[in-house]
C-alpha atoms as a PDB file:
ATOM      1  CA  MET A   1     -15.152  -9.081 -41.205  1.00  0.00           C
ATOM      2  CA  MET A   2     -18.106 -11.022 -39.877  1.00  0.00           C
ATOM      3  CA  ARG A   3     -19.285 -10.251 -36.331  1.00  0.00           C
ATOM      4  CA  ASN A   4     -22.188 -12.611 -35.833  1.00  0.00           C
ATOM      5  CA  ALA A   5     -20.983 -14.972 -33.095  1.00  0.00           C
ATOM      6  CA  THR A   6     -21.722 -14.671 -29.413  1.00  0.00           C
ATOM      7  CA  ALA A   7     -19.521 -16.412 -26.861  1.00  0.00           C
ATOM      8  CA  LYS A   8     -21.481 -18.603 -24.425  1.00  0.00           C
ATOM      9  CA  THR A   9     -20.356 -19.963 -21.097  1.00  0.00           C
ATOM     10  CA  THR A  10     -22.109 -22.437 -18.851  1.00  0.00           C
ATOM     11  CA  SER A  11     -19.804 -22.240 -15.846  1.00  0.00           C
ATOM     12  CA  PRO A  12     -17.745 -19.589 -14.052  1.00  0.00           C
ATOM     13  CA  ILE A  13     -14.469 -18.829 -15.827  1.00  0.00           C
ATOM     14  CA  PRO A  14     -11.516 -16.630 -14.860  1.00  0.00           C
ATOM     15  CA  THR A  15     -11.940 -12.934 -15.600  1.00  0.00           C
ATOM     16  CA  LYS A  16      -9.233 -12.906 -18.269  1.00  0.00           C
ATOM     17  CA  MET A  17     -10.826 -15.891 -19.997  1.00  0.00           C
ATOM     18  CA  ARG A  18     -14.195 -14.161 -19.912  1.00  0.00           C
ATOM     19  CA  VAL A  19     -12.640 -11.050 -21.477  1.00  0.00           C
ATOM     20  CA  ALA A  20     -11.156 -13.175 -24.265  1.00  0.00           C
ATOM     21  CA  SER A  21     -14.400 -15.073 -24.794  1.00  0.00           C
ATOM     22  CA  GLU A  22     -16.482 -11.908 -24.930  1.00  0.00           C
ATOM     23  CA  ALA A  23     -13.989 -10.276 -27.282  1.00  0.00           C
ATOM     24  CA  LEU A  24     -14.466 -13.169 -29.686  1.00  0.00           C
ATOM     25  CA  SER A  25     -17.982 -11.945 -30.353  1.00  0.00           C
ATOM     26  CA  SER A  26     -16.499  -8.905 -32.081  1.00  0.00           C
ATOM     27  CA  CYS A  27     -13.669 -10.883 -33.718  1.00  0.00           C
ATOM     28  CA  GLU A  28     -11.193  -8.373 -32.368  1.00  0.00           C
ATOM     29  CA  MET A  29      -8.932  -9.223 -29.452  1.00  0.00           C
ATOM     30  CA  SER A  30      -5.854  -7.755 -27.844  1.00  0.00           C
ATOM     31  CA  SER A  31      -2.918  -9.620 -26.390  1.00  0.00           C
ATOM     32  CA  ILE A  32      -2.838  -7.227 -23.438  1.00  0.00           C
ATOM     33  CA  ASP A  33      -5.448  -9.156 -21.417  1.00  0.00           C
ATOM     34  CA  ALA A  34      -3.961 -12.480 -22.440  1.00  0.00           C
ATOM     35  CA  PHE A  35      -0.313 -12.175 -21.463  1.00  0.00           C
ATOM     36  CA  PRO A  36       0.763 -15.144 -19.337  1.00  0.00           C
ATOM     37  CA  LYS A  37       2.946 -14.188 -16.417  1.00  0.00           C
ATOM     38  CA  ALA A  38       6.251 -15.560 -15.217  1.00  0.00           C
ATOM     39  CA  ARG A  39       7.499 -14.790 -11.728  1.00  0.00           C
ATOM     40  CA  THR A  40      11.006 -15.204 -10.441  1.00  0.00           C
ATOM     41  CA  GLY A  41      11.326 -17.588  -7.510  1.00  0.00           C
ATOM     42  CA  ARG A  42      14.288 -18.330  -5.282  1.00  0.00           C
ATOM     43  CA  ALA A  43      17.736 -18.053  -6.847  1.00  0.00           C
ATOM     44  CA  GLY A  44      16.236 -16.309  -9.840  1.00  0.00           C
ATOM     45  CA  ARG A  45      14.407 -19.374 -11.078  1.00  0.00           C
ATOM     46  CA  VAL A  46      11.366 -18.767 -13.235  1.00  0.00           C
ATOM     47  CA  ARG A  47       8.074 -20.276 -12.086  1.00  0.00           C
ATOM     48  CA  GLU A  48       5.207 -20.740 -14.511  1.00  0.00           C
ATOM     49  CA  VAL A  49       2.051 -19.169 -13.115  1.00  0.00           C
ATOM     50  CA  GLY A  50      -1.567 -19.941 -13.991  1.00  0.00           C
ATOM     51  CA  PRO A  51      -4.365 -17.468 -14.740  1.00  0.00           C
ATOM     52  CA  ALA A  52      -5.048 -16.888 -11.039  1.00  0.00           C
ATOM     53  CA  GLY A  53      -1.381 -16.238 -10.284  1.00  0.00           C
ATOM     54  CA  LYS A  54      -0.846 -19.589  -8.563  1.00  0.00           C
ATOM     55  CA  PRO A  55       2.274 -21.604  -9.447  1.00  0.00           C
ATOM     56  CA  ARG A  56       1.610 -24.477 -11.820  1.00  0.00           C
ATOM     57  CA  ARG A  57       2.494 -27.875 -10.441  1.00  0.00           C
ATOM     58  CA  ARG A  58       5.267 -29.668 -12.293  1.00  0.00           C
ATOM     59  CA  GLY A  59       4.143 -33.229 -11.584  1.00  0.00           C
ATOM     60  CA  ARG A  60       3.582 -35.332 -14.677  1.00  0.00           C
ATOM     61  CA  LYS A  61      -0.026 -36.155 -13.761  1.00  0.00           C
ATOM     62  CA  ARG A  62      -0.814 -32.459 -13.478  1.00  0.00           C
ATOM     63  CA  LEU A  63       0.776 -31.570 -16.795  1.00  0.00           C
ATOM     64  CA  ARG A  64      -0.663 -34.403 -18.864  1.00  0.00           C
ATOM     65  CA  PRO A  65      -4.094 -35.504 -17.575  1.00  0.00           C
ATOM     66  CA  TRP A  66      -5.732 -38.366 -19.462  1.00  0.00           C
ATOM     67  CA  ALA A  67      -2.768 -38.426 -21.847  1.00  0.00           C
ATOM     68  CA  THR A  68      -1.311 -41.235 -23.938  1.00  0.00           C
ATOM     69  CA  MET A  69       1.790 -41.180 -26.138  1.00  0.00           C
ATOM     70  CA  ALA A  70       2.510 -43.606 -28.972  1.00  0.00           C
ATOM     71  CA  ILE A  71       3.808 -44.169 -32.496  1.00  0.00           C
ATOM     72  CA  ALA A  72       1.398 -44.792 -35.379  1.00  0.00           C
ATOM     73  CA  ARG A  73       3.062 -46.953 -38.022  1.00  0.00           C
ATOM     74  CA  LEU A  74       1.415 -45.763 -41.213  1.00  0.00           C
ATOM     75  CA  SER A  75       2.139 -46.536 -44.851  1.00  0.00           C
ATOM     76  CA  GLY A  76       5.722 -45.392 -45.366  1.00  0.00           C
ATOM     77  CA  VAL A  77       5.927 -43.181 -42.275  1.00  0.00           C
ATOM     78  CA  ASP A  78       5.891 -43.442 -38.489  1.00  0.00           C
ATOM     79  CA  ILE A  79       4.047 -40.601 -36.745  1.00  0.00           C
ATOM     80  CA  HIS A  80       4.548 -39.881 -33.065  1.00  0.00           C
ATOM     81  CA  TYR A  81       1.421 -38.598 -31.352  1.00  0.00           C
ATOM     82  CA  ASP A  82      -0.169 -37.768 -28.002  1.00  0.00           C
ATOM     83  CA  THR A  83      -3.846 -37.891 -27.103  1.00  0.00           C
ATOM     84  CA  PHE A  84      -5.601 -36.070 -24.268  1.00  0.00           C
ATOM     85  CA  GLY A  85      -9.058 -36.916 -22.989  1.00  0.00           C
ATOM     86  CA  GLU A  86     -10.759 -40.290 -22.901  1.00  0.00           C
ATOM     87  CA  SER A  87     -13.824 -39.434 -24.967  1.00  0.00           C
ATOM     88  CA  GLY A  88     -15.700 -36.594 -26.606  1.00  0.00           C
ATOM     89  CA  PRO A  89     -15.441 -34.926 -30.021  1.00  0.00           C
ATOM     90  CA  ALA A  90     -12.017 -35.362 -31.618  1.00  0.00           C
ATOM     91  CA  VAL A  91      -9.819 -32.300 -32.157  1.00  0.00           C
ATOM     92  CA  LEU A  92      -6.716 -32.619 -34.365  1.00  0.00           C
ATOM     93  CA  LEU A  93      -3.992 -30.017 -33.726  1.00  0.00           C
ATOM     94  CA  VAL A  94      -1.371 -29.501 -36.456  1.00  0.00           C
ATOM     95  CA  MET A  95       1.893 -27.729 -35.620  1.00  0.00           C
ATOM     96  CA  GLY A  96       4.102 -25.522 -37.783  1.00  0.00           C
ATOM     97  CA  LEU A  97       7.557 -25.559 -39.344  1.00  0.00           C
ATOM     98  CA  GLY A  98      10.138 -27.596 -37.453  1.00  0.00           C
ATOM     99  CA  SER A  99       8.018 -27.637 -34.290  1.00  0.00           C
ATOM    100  CA  ARG A 100       7.043 -30.664 -32.223  1.00  0.00           C
ATOM    101  CA  GLY A 101       3.428 -31.457 -31.513  1.00  0.00           C
ATOM    102  CA  ASP A 102       3.927 -31.006 -27.781  1.00  0.00           C
ATOM    103  CA  ASN A 103       3.995 -27.251 -28.343  1.00  0.00           C
ATOM    104  CA  TRP A 104       0.217 -27.706 -28.240  1.00  0.00           C
ATOM    105  CA  THR A 105       0.226 -29.406 -24.819  1.00  0.00           C
ATOM    106  CA  PRO A 106      -1.146 -26.497 -22.714  1.00  0.00           C
ATOM    107  CA  ILE A 107      -4.040 -26.040 -25.140  1.00  0.00           C
ATOM    108  CA  SER A 108      -4.530 -29.811 -25.457  1.00  0.00           C
ATOM    109  CA  ARG A 109      -4.812 -30.190 -21.679  1.00  0.00           C
ATOM    110  CA  ALA A 110      -7.260 -27.319 -21.467  1.00  0.00           C
ATOM    111  CA  LEU A 111      -9.471 -28.610 -24.289  1.00  0.00           C
ATOM    112  CA  ALA A 112      -9.439 -32.122 -22.820  1.00  0.00           C
ATOM    113  CA  GLY A 113     -10.604 -30.604 -19.555  1.00  0.00           C
ATOM    114  CA  ARG A 114     -13.607 -29.197 -21.431  1.00  0.00           C
ATOM    115  CA  GLY A 115     -14.668 -32.572 -22.826  1.00  0.00           C
ATOM    116  CA  PHE A 116     -12.727 -32.961 -26.067  1.00  0.00           C
ATOM    117  CA  ARG A 117     -10.528 -35.846 -27.179  1.00  0.00           C
ATOM    118  CA  VAL A 118      -7.432 -34.009 -28.413  1.00  0.00           C
ATOM    119  CA  ILE A 119      -4.771 -35.356 -30.779  1.00  0.00           C
ATOM    120  CA  GLN A 120      -1.411 -33.645 -31.253  1.00  0.00           C
ATOM    121  CA  PHE A 121       1.458 -35.092 -33.272  1.00  0.00           C
ATOM    122  CA  ASP A 122       4.933 -34.552 -34.697  1.00  0.00           C
ATOM    123  CA  ASN A 123       4.913 -33.902 -38.427  1.00  0.00           C
ATOM    124  CA  ARG A 124       7.304 -35.989 -40.503  1.00  0.00           C
ATOM    125  CA  ASP A 125      10.946 -34.898 -40.077  1.00  0.00           C
ATOM    126  CA  VAL A 126      10.189 -33.536 -36.583  1.00  0.00           C
ATOM    127  CA  GLY A 127      10.513 -34.969 -33.084  1.00  0.00           C
ATOM    128  CA  ARG A 128      10.012 -38.735 -32.931  1.00  0.00           C
ATOM    129  CA  SER A 129       8.337 -39.086 -36.326  1.00  0.00           C
ATOM    130  CA  SER A 130      10.101 -40.500 -39.394  1.00  0.00           C
ATOM    131  CA  ARG A 131      12.940 -38.700 -41.162  1.00  0.00           C
ATOM    132  CA  PHE A 132      13.113 -38.596 -44.954  1.00  0.00           C
ATOM    133  CA  PRO A 133      16.817 -38.297 -45.860  1.00  0.00           C
ATOM    134  CA  GLY A 134      17.463 -37.750 -49.537  1.00  0.00           C
ATOM    135  CA  GLY A 135      13.770 -37.351 -50.324  1.00  0.00           C
ATOM    136  CA  SER A 136      11.247 -34.595 -50.795  1.00  0.00           C
ATOM    137  CA  TYR A 137       7.538 -34.272 -50.178  1.00  0.00           C
ATOM    138  CA  GLU A 138       4.637 -31.861 -50.419  1.00  0.00           C
ATOM    139  CA  ILE A 139       2.168 -30.345 -47.974  1.00  0.00           C
ATOM    140  CA  ALA A 140      -0.341 -32.844 -49.405  1.00  0.00           C
ATOM    141  CA  ASP A 141       1.881 -35.704 -48.191  1.00  0.00           C
ATOM    142  CA  MET A 142       1.892 -34.245 -44.698  1.00  0.00           C
ATOM    143  CA  ALA A 143      -1.893 -33.954 -44.890  1.00  0.00           C
ATOM    144  CA  ALA A 144      -2.045 -37.643 -45.835  1.00  0.00           C
ATOM    145  CA  ASP A 145      -0.031 -38.422 -42.688  1.00  0.00           C
ATOM    146  CA  ALA A 146      -2.672 -36.636 -40.606  1.00  0.00           C
ATOM    147  CA  VAL A 147      -5.540 -38.548 -42.221  1.00  0.00           C
ATOM    148  CA  GLY A 148      -3.648 -41.791 -41.700  1.00  0.00           C
ATOM    149  CA  LEU A 149      -3.256 -40.933 -38.027  1.00  0.00           C
ATOM    150  CA  LEU A 150      -6.993 -40.299 -37.678  1.00  0.00           C
ATOM    151  CA  ASP A 151      -7.677 -43.649 -39.355  1.00  0.00           C
ATOM    152  CA  HIS A 152      -5.205 -45.327 -36.998  1.00  0.00           C
ATOM    153  CA  LEU A 153      -7.077 -43.858 -34.028  1.00  0.00           C
ATOM    154  CA  GLY A 154     -10.503 -44.718 -35.416  1.00  0.00           C
ATOM    155  CA  ALA A 155     -11.561 -41.066 -35.654  1.00  0.00           C
ATOM    156  CA  ARG A 156     -13.817 -40.717 -38.692  1.00  0.00           C
ATOM    157  CA  GLU A 157     -14.549 -37.046 -38.029  1.00  0.00           C
ATOM    158  CA  ALA A 158     -12.656 -34.307 -36.224  1.00  0.00           C
ATOM    159  CA  ARG A 159     -12.448 -30.615 -35.576  1.00  0.00           C
ATOM    160  CA  LEU A 160      -9.242 -29.301 -37.147  1.00  0.00           C
ATOM    161  CA  VAL A 161      -6.784 -26.663 -35.923  1.00  0.00           C
ATOM    162  CA  GLY A 162      -3.540 -25.684 -37.660  1.00  0.00           C
ATOM    163  CA  ILE A 163      -0.930 -22.981 -37.143  1.00  0.00           C
ATOM    164  CA  SER A 164       1.559 -21.584 -39.672  1.00  0.00           C
ATOM    165  CA  MET A 165       2.733 -24.557 -41.786  1.00  0.00           C
ATOM    166  CA  GLY A 166       0.200 -26.595 -39.831  1.00  0.00           C
ATOM    167  CA  GLY A 167      -2.437 -24.192 -41.112  1.00  0.00           C
ATOM    168  CA  MET A 168      -1.359 -25.004 -44.663  1.00  0.00           C
ATOM    169  CA  ILE A 169      -1.711 -28.701 -43.896  1.00  0.00           C
ATOM    170  CA  ALA A 170      -5.128 -27.975 -42.381  1.00  0.00           C
ATOM    171  CA  GLN A 171      -6.275 -26.087 -45.492  1.00  0.00           C
ATOM    172  CA  GLU A 172      -5.206 -29.046 -47.634  1.00  0.00           C
ATOM    173  CA  LEU A 173      -7.049 -31.449 -45.333  1.00  0.00           C
ATOM    174  CA  ALA A 174     -10.267 -29.425 -45.298  1.00  0.00           C
ATOM    175  CA  ALA A 175     -10.260 -29.046 -49.090  1.00  0.00           C
ATOM    176  CA  SER A 176      -9.310 -32.654 -49.909  1.00  0.00           C
ATOM    177  CA  PHE A 177     -11.233 -34.502 -47.173  1.00  0.00           C
ATOM    178  CA  PRO A 178     -14.315 -32.350 -46.466  1.00  0.00           C
ATOM    179  CA  GLU A 179     -16.256 -35.268 -44.995  1.00  0.00           C
ATOM    180  CA  ARG A 180     -13.638 -35.749 -42.263  1.00  0.00           C
ATOM    181  CA  PHE A 181     -13.581 -32.270 -40.733  1.00  0.00           C
ATOM    182  CA  SER A 182     -16.576 -30.529 -39.187  1.00  0.00           C
ATOM    183  CA  ARG A 183     -14.836 -27.304 -38.142  1.00  0.00           C
ATOM    184  CA  LEU A 184     -11.620 -25.557 -39.126  1.00  0.00           C
ATOM    185  CA  VAL A 185      -9.452 -23.076 -37.230  1.00  0.00           C
ATOM    186  CA  LEU A 186      -6.475 -21.479 -38.992  1.00  0.00           C
ATOM    187  CA  LEU A 187      -3.873 -19.542 -37.013  1.00  0.00           C
ATOM    188  CA  ALA A 188      -1.145 -17.347 -38.534  1.00  0.00           C
ATOM    189  CA  THR A 189      -1.067 -19.097 -41.903  1.00  0.00           C
ATOM    190  CA  TRP A 190      -1.198 -18.306 -45.619  1.00  0.00           C
ATOM    191  CA  PRO A 191      -2.604 -19.689 -48.894  1.00  0.00           C
ATOM    192  CA  GLY A 192       0.776 -19.876 -50.641  1.00  0.00           C
ATOM    193  CA  GLY A 193       1.510 -19.220 -54.294  1.00  0.00           C
ATOM    194  CA  ASP A 194       1.091 -15.855 -55.973  1.00  0.00           C
ATOM    195  CA  LEU A 195      -1.905 -15.097 -53.754  1.00  0.00           C
ATOM    196  CA  ALA A 196       0.167 -14.991 -50.572  1.00  0.00           C
ATOM    197  CA  ARG A 197       1.549 -11.807 -49.067  1.00  0.00           C
ATOM    198  CA  LYS A 198       5.233 -12.539 -48.469  1.00  0.00           C
ATOM    199  CA  PRO A 199       7.290 -11.400 -45.466  1.00  0.00           C
ATOM    200  CA  GLU A 200       9.891  -8.656 -45.701  1.00  0.00           C
ATOM    201  CA  SER A 201      13.479  -9.523 -46.647  1.00  0.00           C
ATOM    202  CA  PRO A 202      15.042  -9.217 -43.143  1.00  0.00           C
ATOM    203  CA  ILE A 203      12.685 -11.868 -41.767  1.00  0.00           C
ATOM    204  CA  LEU A 204      13.468 -14.175 -44.685  1.00  0.00           C
ATOM    205  CA  ALA A 205      17.176 -13.672 -44.019  1.00  0.00           C
ATOM    206  CA  GLU A 206      16.710 -14.686 -40.371  1.00  0.00           C
ATOM    207  CA  LEU A 207      14.807 -17.807 -41.433  1.00  0.00           C
ATOM    208  CA  ALA A 208      17.464 -18.694 -44.010  1.00  0.00           C
ATOM    209  CA  ALA A 209      20.182 -18.420 -41.373  1.00  0.00           C
ATOM    210  CA  LEU A 210      18.252 -20.794 -39.112  1.00  0.00           C
ATOM    211  CA  ALA A 211      17.794 -23.278 -41.939  1.00  0.00           C
ATOM    212  CA  ARG A 212      21.512 -23.273 -42.757  1.00  0.00           C
ATOM    213  CA  GLY A 213      22.294 -24.458 -39.245  1.00  0.00           C
ATOM    214  CA  GLU A 214      25.523 -22.494 -38.943  1.00  0.00           C
ATOM    215  CA  GLU A 215      25.688 -22.556 -35.134  1.00  0.00           C
ATOM    216  CA  GLU A 216      28.449 -24.696 -33.688  1.00  0.00           C
ATOM    217  CA  ASP A 217      27.205 -24.934 -30.103  1.00  0.00           C
ATOM    218  CA  ARG A 218      24.087 -24.695 -27.979  1.00  0.00           C
ATOM    219  CA  ALA A 219      24.695 -21.113 -26.873  1.00  0.00           C
ATOM    220  CA  ALA A 220      25.022 -19.898 -30.460  1.00  0.00           C
ATOM    221  CA  ALA A 221      21.898 -21.823 -31.478  1.00  0.00           C
ATOM    222  CA  GLU A 222      19.944 -20.280 -28.586  1.00  0.00           C
ATOM    223  CA  ALA A 223      21.130 -16.815 -29.577  1.00  0.00           C
ATOM    224  CA  ARG A 224      20.146 -17.288 -33.204  1.00  0.00           C
ATOM    225  CA  LEU A 225      16.723 -18.780 -32.438  1.00  0.00           C
ATOM    226  CA  GLY A 226      16.127 -16.165 -29.755  1.00  0.00           C
ATOM    227  CA  ALA A 227      16.816 -13.395 -32.253  1.00  0.00           C
ATOM    228  CA  PHE A 228      14.406 -15.024 -34.703  1.00  0.00           C
ATOM    229  CA  TYR A 229      11.653 -15.373 -32.104  1.00  0.00           C
ATOM    230  CA  ARG A 230      12.063 -11.743 -31.068  1.00  0.00           C
ATOM    231  CA  ALA A 231      11.825 -10.723 -34.730  1.00  0.00           C
ATOM    232  CA  ILE A 232       8.542 -12.565 -35.358  1.00  0.00           C
ATOM    233  CA  THR A 233       6.651 -11.753 -32.143  1.00  0.00           C
ATOM    234  CA  GLY A 234       4.743  -8.608 -31.287  1.00  0.00           C
ATOM    235  CA  PRO A 235       6.892  -5.871 -29.689  1.00  0.00           C
ATOM    236  CA  ALA A 236       4.743  -5.661 -26.552  1.00  0.00           C
ATOM    237  CA  PHE A 237       5.188  -9.380 -25.880  1.00  0.00           C
ATOM    238  CA  VAL A 238       8.970  -9.182 -26.227  1.00  0.00           C
ATOM    239  CA  GLN A 239       9.070  -6.264 -23.810  1.00  0.00           C
ATOM    240  CA  LYS A 240       6.757  -7.751 -21.178  1.00  0.00           C
ATOM    241  CA  ASN A 241       7.707 -11.452 -21.345  1.00  0.00           C
ATOM    242  CA  PRO A 242      11.471 -11.946 -21.867  1.00  0.00           C
ATOM    243  CA  GLU A 243      11.513 -14.982 -19.542  1.00  0.00           C
ATOM    244  CA  LEU A 244       8.758 -16.744 -21.476  1.00  0.00           C
ATOM    245  CA  LEU A 245      10.575 -16.101 -24.740  1.00  0.00           C
ATOM    246  CA  ASP A 246      13.762 -17.626 -23.312  1.00  0.00           C
ATOM    247  CA  MET A 247      11.767 -20.641 -22.102  1.00  0.00           C
ATOM    248  CA  ALA A 248      10.206 -21.046 -25.544  1.00  0.00           C
ATOM    249  CA  VAL A 249      13.626 -20.997 -27.212  1.00  0.00           C
ATOM    250  CA  ALA A 250      15.024 -23.633 -24.847  1.00  0.00           C
ATOM    251  CA  PHE A 251      11.937 -25.813 -25.348  1.00  0.00           C
ATOM    252  CA  ALA A 252      12.134 -25.516 -29.147  1.00  0.00           C
ATOM    253  CA  LEU A 253      15.768 -26.612 -29.245  1.00  0.00           C
ATOM    254  CA  GLU A 254      14.985 -29.887 -27.468  1.00  0.00           C
ATOM    255  CA  GLY A 255      14.493 -32.457 -30.226  1.00  0.00           C
ATOM    256  CA  ALA A 256      14.788 -29.812 -32.938  1.00  0.00           C
ATOM    257  CA  PRO A 257      14.751 -31.163 -36.508  1.00  0.00           C
ATOM    258  CA  GLU A 258      17.945 -31.743 -38.425  1.00  0.00           C
ATOM    259  CA  VAL A 259      18.857 -29.049 -40.927  1.00  0.00           C
ATOM    260  CA  GLU A 260      18.007 -31.327 -43.861  1.00  0.00           C
ATOM    261  CA  GLY A 261      14.556 -32.053 -42.454  1.00  0.00           C
ATOM    262  CA  LEU A 262      13.889 -28.367 -41.883  1.00  0.00           C
ATOM    263  CA  MET A 263      14.870 -27.636 -45.476  1.00  0.00           C
ATOM    264  CA  ARG A 264      12.536 -30.354 -46.763  1.00  0.00           C
ATOM    265  CA  GLN A 265       9.662 -28.701 -44.913  1.00  0.00           C
ATOM    266  CA  ILE A 266      10.637 -25.246 -46.189  1.00  0.00           C
ATOM    267  CA  ARG A 267      10.694 -26.525 -49.772  1.00  0.00           C
ATOM    268  CA  ALA A 268       7.238 -28.056 -49.283  1.00  0.00           C
ATOM    269  CA  ILE A 269       5.978 -24.693 -48.019  1.00  0.00           C
ATOM    270  CA  SER A 270       7.516 -22.894 -50.997  1.00  0.00           C
ATOM    271  CA  ARG A 271       5.582 -25.132 -53.417  1.00  0.00           C
ATOM    272  CA  PHE A 272       2.273 -24.888 -51.558  1.00  0.00           C
ATOM    273  CA  ALA A 273      -0.519 -22.992 -53.328  1.00  0.00           C
ATOM    274  CA  ILE A 274      -4.171 -23.561 -52.459  1.00  0.00           C
ATOM    275  CA  GLY A 275      -5.769 -20.227 -53.303  1.00  0.00           C
ATOM    276  CA  ASP A 276      -7.879 -21.630 -56.139  1.00  0.00           C
ATOM    277  CA  ARG A 277      -9.245 -24.391 -53.873  1.00  0.00           C
ATOM    278  CA  LEU A 278     -10.171 -22.375 -50.795  1.00  0.00           C
ATOM    279  CA  GLY A 279     -13.693 -21.992 -52.140  1.00  0.00           C
ATOM    280  CA  GLU A 280     -14.073 -25.780 -51.906  1.00  0.00           C
ATOM    281  CA  ILE A 281     -13.771 -25.740 -48.109  1.00  0.00           C
ATOM    282  CA  ARG A 282     -17.204 -26.296 -46.581  1.00  0.00           C
ATOM    283  CA  ALA A 283     -16.373 -26.591 -42.885  1.00  0.00           C
ATOM    284  CA  PRO A 284     -17.274 -23.566 -40.744  1.00  0.00           C
ATOM    285  CA  THR A 285     -13.967 -21.726 -40.481  1.00  0.00           C
ATOM    286  CA  LEU A 286     -12.359 -19.356 -37.993  1.00  0.00           C
ATOM    287  CA  VAL A 287      -9.190 -17.492 -39.013  1.00  0.00           C
ATOM    288  CA  LEU A 288      -7.084 -16.135 -36.133  1.00  0.00           C
ATOM    289  CA  HIS A 289      -4.271 -13.796 -37.131  1.00  0.00           C
ATOM    290  CA  GLY A 290      -2.154 -11.258 -35.297  1.00  0.00           C
ATOM    291  CA  ASP A 291      -1.969  -7.862 -36.946  1.00  0.00           C
ATOM    292  CA  ALA A 292       1.708  -7.575 -35.917  1.00  0.00           C
ATOM    293  CA  ASP A 293       2.833 -10.829 -37.599  1.00  0.00           C
ATOM    294  CA  PRO A 294       5.949 -10.102 -39.691  1.00  0.00           C
ATOM    295  CA  LEU A 295       6.572 -13.706 -40.774  1.00  0.00           C
ATOM    296  CA  ILE A 296       3.145 -14.403 -42.290  1.00  0.00           C
ATOM    297  CA  PRO A 297       1.669 -10.916 -42.659  1.00  0.00           C
ATOM    298  CA  TYR A 298      -1.867 -10.227 -41.487  1.00  0.00           C
ATOM    299  CA  GLU A 299      -3.105  -9.711 -45.058  1.00  0.00           C
ATOM    300  CA  ASN A 300      -2.848 -13.480 -45.550  1.00  0.00           C
ATOM    301  CA  GLY A 301      -5.515 -14.021 -42.907  1.00  0.00           C
ATOM    302  CA  GLU A 302      -7.744 -11.535 -44.705  1.00  0.00           C
ATOM    303  CA  ILE A 303      -7.198 -13.296 -48.038  1.00  0.00           C
ATOM    304  CA  ILE A 304      -8.034 -16.725 -46.610  1.00  0.00           C
ATOM    305  CA  ALA A 305     -11.130 -15.451 -44.797  1.00  0.00           C
ATOM    306  CA  ARG A 306     -12.429 -13.856 -47.991  1.00  0.00           C
ATOM    307  CA  ARG A 307     -11.878 -16.998 -50.052  1.00  0.00           C
ATOM    308  CA  ILE A 308     -13.400 -19.598 -47.704  1.00  0.00           C
ATOM    309  CA  PRO A 309     -17.214 -19.374 -47.793  1.00  0.00           C
ATOM    310  CA  GLY A 310     -18.607 -18.000 -44.540  1.00  0.00           C
ATOM    311  CA  ALA A 311     -15.229 -17.809 -42.796  1.00  0.00           C
ATOM    312  CA  ARG A 312     -14.764 -15.462 -39.839  1.00  0.00           C
ATOM    313  CA  LEU A 313     -11.584 -13.459 -39.355  1.00  0.00           C
ATOM    314  CA  CYS A 314     -10.593 -12.625 -35.789  1.00  0.00           C
ATOM    315  CA  THR A 315      -7.843 -10.058 -35.386  1.00  0.00           C
ATOM    316  CA  LEU A 316      -5.420 -10.299 -32.471  1.00  0.00           C
ATOM    317  CA  ARG A 317      -4.221  -6.757 -31.897  1.00  0.00           C
ATOM    318  CA  GLY A 318      -0.517  -6.381 -31.265  1.00  0.00           C
ATOM    319  CA  VAL A 319       0.156 -10.122 -31.641  1.00  0.00           C
ATOM    320  CA  GLY A 320       2.889 -11.481 -33.882  1.00  0.00           C
ATOM    321  CA  HIS A 321       3.426 -14.961 -35.308  1.00  0.00           C
ATOM    322  CA  LEU A 322       3.629 -17.077 -32.134  1.00  0.00           C
ATOM    323  CA  VAL A 323      -0.080 -16.761 -31.396  1.00  0.00           C
ATOM    324  CA  PRO A 324      -0.578 -19.398 -28.641  1.00  0.00           C
ATOM    325  CA  LEU A 325       2.526 -18.165 -26.802  1.00  0.00           C
ATOM    326  CA  GLU A 326       1.756 -14.462 -27.130  1.00  0.00           C
ATOM    327  CA  ALA A 327      -1.977 -14.631 -26.454  1.00  0.00           C
ATOM    328  CA  PRO A 328      -2.729 -17.979 -24.779  1.00  0.00           C
ATOM    329  CA  LEU A 329      -6.007 -17.073 -23.099  1.00  0.00           C
ATOM    330  CA  ALA A 330      -7.373 -15.292 -26.149  1.00  0.00           C
ATOM    331  CA  THR A 331      -6.377 -18.289 -28.281  1.00  0.00           C
ATOM    332  CA  PHE A 332      -7.952 -20.832 -25.948  1.00  0.00           C
ATOM    333  CA  GLY A 333     -11.073 -18.728 -25.507  1.00  0.00           C
ATOM    334  CA  ALA A 334     -11.511 -18.494 -29.263  1.00  0.00           C
ATOM    335  CA  LEU A 335     -10.891 -22.210 -29.779  1.00  0.00           C
ATOM    336  CA  LEU A 336     -13.245 -23.279 -27.009  1.00  0.00           C
ATOM    337  CA  ASP A 337     -16.044 -21.015 -28.204  1.00  0.00           C
ATOM    338  CA  PHE A 338     -15.727 -21.985 -31.862  1.00  0.00           C
ATOM    339  CA  LEU A 339     -15.029 -25.704 -31.489  1.00  0.00           C
ATOM    340  CA  SER A 340     -17.947 -26.116 -29.100  1.00  0.00           C
END
């Protein structure tokens, strides 16, 4: 594990953010200092609270500063996207299996506030992007969608961040289009193929049940997805943040992909194998992985970091698969330090 980076700050930052930023210098962070907090307001309603403990405003202008939302009509596919920030270096955020791009919104807002132009989008078969009934595709096709989106937006070069399946897409992008990406951050992802360390059978069974779409109503779907989220997150997070987990489940079910679309993405993941090409990646690379990730075990982060020249591996202690949810301040601190 390389330990040669030093976090730098040019303005006062909250204490928890400073802890996360300083911890990045040792590439070893804990979720304990990064837990977001949810407080119960009147009538048991949950209020989202910022780093200083103040309630977050719910007004649209507060939640989405400098934001635009649109559809890019590319060759054979429509991709729904949001941008944050009016100028600055471009950052492309790539989301994981069956998840909409707006899962990135808190991080996108924060990065835009630090001078970046941030792009988040729905992968094909998710959210408002195109569906592909009766067809199949590969991770490379999803990578081509991302490059097409950058072309559509006139972004010749970008910093690249991907999580889980989005990390697979990001690896493909960095290997196939090295001239387009100046920095690479991979969160909770794997190299696929025989090189990958697979999850244990119970986790695979939970994922298979989700993909079959057996639930007949919303309550059953929430119960099933909630059980899956609890299975793939770190135990400390589940214990300390039950309200946030419930909020994440409800958010994920809004605009969730159809079962067929989810299966198309799962099949693309199953065919993905980039281990032999990781050595071709030239962008400076940061690998963030929780050591309590049961879905994509921590060893995958170690494998990727060893194979990409000069890559740094940062371990998130006690964190499972849902890295930005479980350790938001540590994640943002790492991204801000590395992307800057």
